Protein backbone atom coordinates (compact mmCIF):
# COMPACT_ATOMS: atom_id res chain seq x y z
CA MET A 1 -36.23 18.97 -43.59
CA LYS A 2 -36.41 19.13 -39.78
CA LYS A 3 -39.46 21.36 -39.95
CA HIS A 4 -41.21 18.91 -42.24
CA LEU A 5 -40.30 16.04 -39.92
CA ILE A 6 -41.64 17.71 -36.81
CA SER A 7 -44.87 18.72 -38.58
CA THR A 8 -45.34 15.12 -39.64
CA LEU A 9 -44.80 13.87 -36.10
CA ILE A 10 -47.34 16.27 -34.62
CA LEU A 11 -49.96 15.71 -37.27
CA GLY A 12 -49.52 11.96 -36.99
CA SER A 13 -50.09 12.19 -33.26
CA LEU A 14 -53.16 14.40 -33.60
CA MET A 15 -54.78 12.20 -36.23
CA SER A 16 -54.52 9.13 -34.05
CA THR A 17 -57.79 7.84 -32.61
CA SER A 18 -56.10 7.96 -29.20
CA ALA A 19 -55.07 11.61 -29.50
CA PHE A 20 -57.41 12.73 -26.75
CA ALA A 21 -57.23 9.58 -24.68
CA GLU A 22 -54.32 7.94 -22.91
CA LEU A 23 -51.14 8.29 -24.93
CA SER A 24 -49.44 5.23 -26.27
CA THR A 25 -45.75 4.58 -25.74
CA GLU A 26 -45.07 5.64 -29.33
CA GLN A 27 -47.05 8.87 -28.93
CA THR A 28 -45.26 9.69 -25.69
CA GLN A 29 -41.92 9.26 -27.44
CA GLN A 30 -43.10 11.41 -30.35
CA LEU A 31 -44.14 14.21 -28.02
CA GLU A 32 -40.78 14.06 -26.26
CA GLU A 33 -39.04 14.39 -29.63
CA ILE A 34 -41.29 17.30 -30.56
CA ASN A 35 -40.65 19.07 -27.27
CA GLN A 36 -36.91 18.67 -27.62
CA PHE A 37 -36.93 19.86 -31.21
CA LEU A 38 -38.93 22.99 -30.35
CA LYS A 39 -36.56 23.84 -27.53
CA GLU A 40 -33.62 23.56 -29.90
CA ASN A 41 -35.35 25.30 -32.82
CA PRO A 42 -37.73 27.96 -31.44
CA SER A 43 -37.85 29.77 -34.80
CA THR A 44 -39.99 26.95 -36.21
CA ILE A 45 -42.80 27.42 -33.67
CA SER A 46 -44.62 30.20 -35.54
CA GLY A 47 -44.80 28.34 -38.84
CA LEU A 48 -45.73 25.10 -37.12
CA HIS A 49 -48.48 26.84 -35.18
CA THR A 50 -49.94 28.17 -38.44
CA SER A 51 -49.82 24.68 -39.95
CA LEU A 52 -51.64 23.24 -36.93
CA GLU A 53 -54.31 25.95 -37.10
CA GLN A 54 -54.88 25.11 -40.76
CA TYR A 55 -55.03 21.42 -39.93
CA VAL A 56 -57.59 21.94 -37.16
CA SER A 57 -59.67 24.17 -39.42
CA GLY A 58 -59.59 21.55 -42.16
CA GLN A 59 -60.68 18.84 -39.71
CA GLU A 60 -63.60 20.98 -38.53
CA GLN A 61 -64.69 21.60 -42.12
CA ALA A 62 -64.42 17.88 -42.90
CA LYS A 63 -66.59 16.97 -39.88
CA LYS A 64 -69.17 19.55 -40.94
CA ALA A 65 -69.16 18.20 -44.49
CA GLN A 66 -69.58 14.64 -43.22
CA ALA A 67 -72.59 15.67 -41.15
CA GLU A 68 -74.17 17.61 -44.02
CA SER A 69 -73.64 14.79 -46.53
CA HIS A 70 -74.69 11.95 -44.21
CA ASP A 71 -78.14 11.37 -45.68
CA TRP A 72 -76.85 11.63 -49.24
CA LEU A 73 -74.22 9.00 -48.58
CA TYR A 74 -75.96 6.62 -46.18
CA ASN A 75 -79.69 6.95 -46.83
CA ASN A 76 -79.89 7.15 -50.60
CA ASP A 77 -81.17 4.25 -52.67
CA ALA A 78 -79.54 5.72 -55.79
CA HIS A 79 -76.17 4.34 -54.67
CA PRO A 80 -75.42 0.70 -55.61
CA ILE A 81 -74.65 -1.65 -52.75
CA LEU A 82 -72.32 -4.63 -52.38
CA GLY A 83 -72.77 -7.09 -49.52
CA ASN A 84 -75.77 -7.13 -47.20
CA PRO A 85 -78.22 -4.25 -47.89
CA GLU A 86 -79.32 -4.53 -44.26
CA GLY A 87 -75.79 -4.77 -42.86
CA LYS A 88 -74.88 -2.57 -39.90
CA SER A 89 -71.15 -2.41 -40.68
CA ILE A 90 -71.32 0.25 -43.38
CA ILE A 91 -68.40 1.15 -45.64
CA ILE A 92 -68.68 4.13 -47.96
CA ASN A 93 -66.60 3.47 -51.08
CA PHE A 94 -65.74 6.43 -53.33
CA THR A 95 -64.82 4.61 -56.50
CA ASP A 96 -64.34 5.02 -60.25
CA TYR A 97 -64.67 2.33 -62.92
CA ASN A 98 -61.74 3.91 -64.78
CA CYS A 99 -59.42 3.79 -61.74
CA PRO A 100 -57.07 0.75 -61.63
CA PHE A 101 -56.64 0.93 -57.85
CA CYS A 102 -60.42 1.06 -57.37
CA LYS A 103 -60.67 -2.19 -59.31
CA ARG A 104 -58.08 -3.83 -57.08
CA LEU A 105 -59.74 -2.54 -53.92
CA GLU A 106 -63.18 -3.80 -54.88
CA LYS A 107 -61.86 -7.36 -54.98
CA GLY A 108 -60.93 -7.01 -51.32
CA LEU A 109 -64.25 -5.41 -50.42
CA THR A 110 -66.14 -8.18 -52.19
CA GLN A 111 -64.16 -10.81 -50.32
CA LEU A 112 -64.83 -9.08 -46.99
CA ALA A 113 -68.54 -8.93 -47.72
CA SER A 114 -68.56 -12.64 -48.57
CA GLU A 115 -66.87 -13.45 -45.25
CA ASN A 116 -68.90 -11.12 -43.06
CA SER A 117 -72.65 -11.02 -43.60
CA ASP A 118 -72.97 -7.75 -41.66
CA ILE A 119 -70.91 -5.70 -44.12
CA LYS A 120 -72.68 -3.23 -46.39
CA VAL A 121 -70.58 -1.42 -49.00
CA ILE A 122 -72.19 1.69 -50.51
CA ASN A 123 -70.56 2.70 -53.79
CA ILE A 124 -70.39 6.45 -54.40
CA TYR A 125 -69.37 6.66 -58.04
CA GLN A 126 -66.99 9.23 -59.45
CA SER A 127 -65.98 9.74 -63.08
CA PHE A 128 -63.36 12.45 -63.19
CA LYS A 129 -61.49 11.27 -66.30
CA GLN A 130 -64.49 10.59 -68.46
CA GLN A 131 -67.72 12.58 -68.58
CA THR A 132 -69.06 10.65 -71.57
CA VAL A 133 -67.73 7.82 -73.72
CA ASN A 134 -67.06 8.68 -77.34
CA GLY A 135 -70.05 7.45 -79.34
CA LEU A 136 -72.33 7.07 -76.32
CA ASP A 137 -74.25 9.56 -74.20
CA THR A 138 -73.14 7.85 -70.98
CA ASN A 139 -70.13 6.52 -69.08
CA ALA A 140 -69.45 3.50 -66.88
CA ALA A 141 -70.70 5.15 -63.68
CA LEU A 142 -73.92 6.41 -65.27
CA PHE A 143 -74.53 3.01 -66.86
CA ALA A 144 -74.00 1.17 -63.58
CA MET A 145 -76.36 3.49 -61.69
CA LYS A 146 -79.01 3.08 -64.40
CA VAL A 147 -78.71 -0.70 -64.12
CA TRP A 148 -78.98 -0.46 -60.32
CA LYS A 149 -82.17 1.58 -60.68
CA ASP A 150 -83.90 -0.32 -63.48
CA LYS A 151 -82.46 -3.87 -63.36
CA PRO A 152 -80.94 -4.36 -59.91
CA GLU A 153 -80.89 -8.13 -60.39
CA SER A 154 -78.27 -7.59 -63.12
CA PHE A 155 -76.12 -5.13 -61.20
CA LEU A 156 -73.61 -7.51 -59.60
CA GLU A 157 -72.75 -9.09 -62.94
CA VAL A 158 -72.50 -5.69 -64.63
CA ASP A 159 -70.33 -4.36 -61.83
CA LYS A 160 -68.02 -7.37 -61.99
CA LEU A 161 -67.55 -7.00 -65.75
CA LEU A 162 -67.01 -3.25 -65.55
CA MET A 163 -64.36 -3.71 -62.88
CA ALA A 164 -62.66 -6.48 -64.87
CA LYS A 165 -61.91 -4.16 -67.81
CA SER A 166 -58.34 -2.87 -67.74
CA GLY A 167 -57.87 0.76 -68.66
CA ILE A 168 -60.55 3.32 -69.43
CA HIS A 169 -63.92 2.15 -70.71
CA THR A 170 -64.86 2.65 -74.34
CA LYS A 171 -68.00 2.40 -76.42
CA SER A 172 -67.04 -1.17 -77.30
CA SER A 173 -66.43 -2.24 -73.69
CA LEU A 174 -69.70 -0.79 -72.38
CA GLU A 175 -71.70 -2.25 -75.24
CA ALA A 176 -70.09 -5.64 -74.68
CA VAL A 177 -71.03 -5.61 -70.99
CA ALA A 178 -74.56 -4.48 -71.79
CA LYS A 179 -75.03 -7.18 -74.43
CA LYS A 180 -73.70 -9.93 -72.17
CA THR A 181 -75.97 -8.90 -69.28
CA GLY A 182 -79.07 -7.94 -71.26
CA THR A 183 -78.88 -4.33 -70.14
CA GLU A 184 -78.59 -2.53 -73.50
CA ALA A 185 -81.50 -0.23 -72.62
CA GLU A 186 -79.56 1.08 -69.60
CA LEU A 187 -76.91 2.56 -71.89
CA LYS A 188 -79.43 5.34 -72.47
CA THR A 189 -78.95 7.34 -69.33
CA THR A 190 -81.31 9.99 -67.98
CA GLN A 191 -80.85 13.35 -66.31
CA GLU A 192 -81.50 11.63 -62.98
CA GLN A 193 -78.21 9.70 -63.18
CA VAL A 194 -76.35 12.78 -64.41
CA ASP A 195 -77.60 14.76 -61.41
CA ILE A 196 -76.59 11.97 -59.01
CA LEU A 197 -73.08 11.79 -60.43
CA THR A 198 -72.74 15.57 -60.24
CA LYS A 199 -73.83 15.52 -56.60
CA ASN A 200 -71.35 12.71 -55.92
CA HIS A 201 -68.55 14.88 -57.33
CA GLN A 202 -69.66 17.85 -55.24
CA THR A 203 -69.81 15.74 -52.07
CA PHE A 204 -66.38 14.28 -52.78
CA SER A 205 -64.90 17.78 -53.04
CA ALA A 206 -66.76 19.10 -49.99
CA LEU A 207 -65.29 16.30 -47.89
CA GLY A 208 -61.82 17.42 -48.92
CA LEU A 209 -61.06 14.16 -50.71
CA THR A 210 -58.48 14.18 -53.47
CA GLY A 211 -58.48 10.81 -55.19
CA THR A 212 -60.07 7.44 -55.64
CA PRO A 213 -60.39 4.99 -54.12
CA THR A 214 -61.27 6.44 -50.74
CA LEU A 215 -63.12 4.59 -48.00
CA MET A 216 -65.11 6.02 -45.11
CA MET A 217 -66.22 4.01 -42.09
CA ASN A 218 -67.44 5.30 -38.74
CA GLY A 219 -66.32 8.78 -39.72
CA GLN A 220 -62.77 7.64 -40.46
CA ILE A 221 -61.39 8.36 -43.92
CA LEU A 222 -59.01 5.92 -45.55
CA PRO A 223 -57.57 7.20 -48.87
CA GLY A 224 -55.91 5.05 -51.50
CA TYR A 225 -55.66 1.36 -52.24
CA VAL A 226 -55.36 -0.94 -49.23
CA PRO A 227 -54.26 -4.60 -49.55
CA TYR A 228 -56.84 -7.13 -48.39
CA GLU A 229 -55.10 -8.28 -45.19
CA ARG A 230 -54.64 -4.72 -43.95
CA LEU A 231 -58.15 -3.80 -45.04
CA LYS A 232 -59.56 -6.72 -43.08
CA ASP A 233 -57.76 -5.59 -39.92
CA ILE A 234 -58.96 -2.00 -40.37
CA VAL A 235 -62.56 -3.11 -40.86
CA ASP A 236 -62.40 -5.44 -37.85
CA ASP A 237 -61.11 -2.55 -35.70
CA ALA A 238 -63.73 -0.11 -37.06
CA PHE A 239 -66.68 -2.35 -36.30
């Protein structure tokens, strides 16, 4: 238990944006606690050192992956956009139409974009639970990307309806959205969308991400659902 606690304290300190700048009062206190613990429990140093080496290695790999995937994420017109397409405050949103927390998060992102005209949200779709929908040669992510490519004027309505569906999408739910928005032809996906979704999955894994939703802004990674008020503060600080 103590070893887990001290590892948490150190990693928390290292992950802070101020880790290599002036230490905050909280960080100073944490380091004092760490120092005292190590003096009292020297046997934990070896294991902790190994954990820190693994952490540093993982951070280096993540930075490399971010650099290598930059153009795919930021300069790719295959990815649907919410907010201002010309916005300079860019949020990468790894999301899944079958993920309940992604649906909750998008409401907050949409509200932020409506309040700040400089926000650009780039949706990087994932579909881990559902490769294809029974009875259709597509899924919600493939359908949305096809709409974005062929009928971008219909995308926002399609996206809103797809996110409004509780649970996993079915043949009936996708056909209902397509009928309501006049996008039935986009239910017939092409290899292009399949290749994009595959690349999205590969990029997600290369970045060391483990679940949706996950946000990325200014190189910072924010996993999991974030309530609107906290999200607003994080975005304000990031940009």
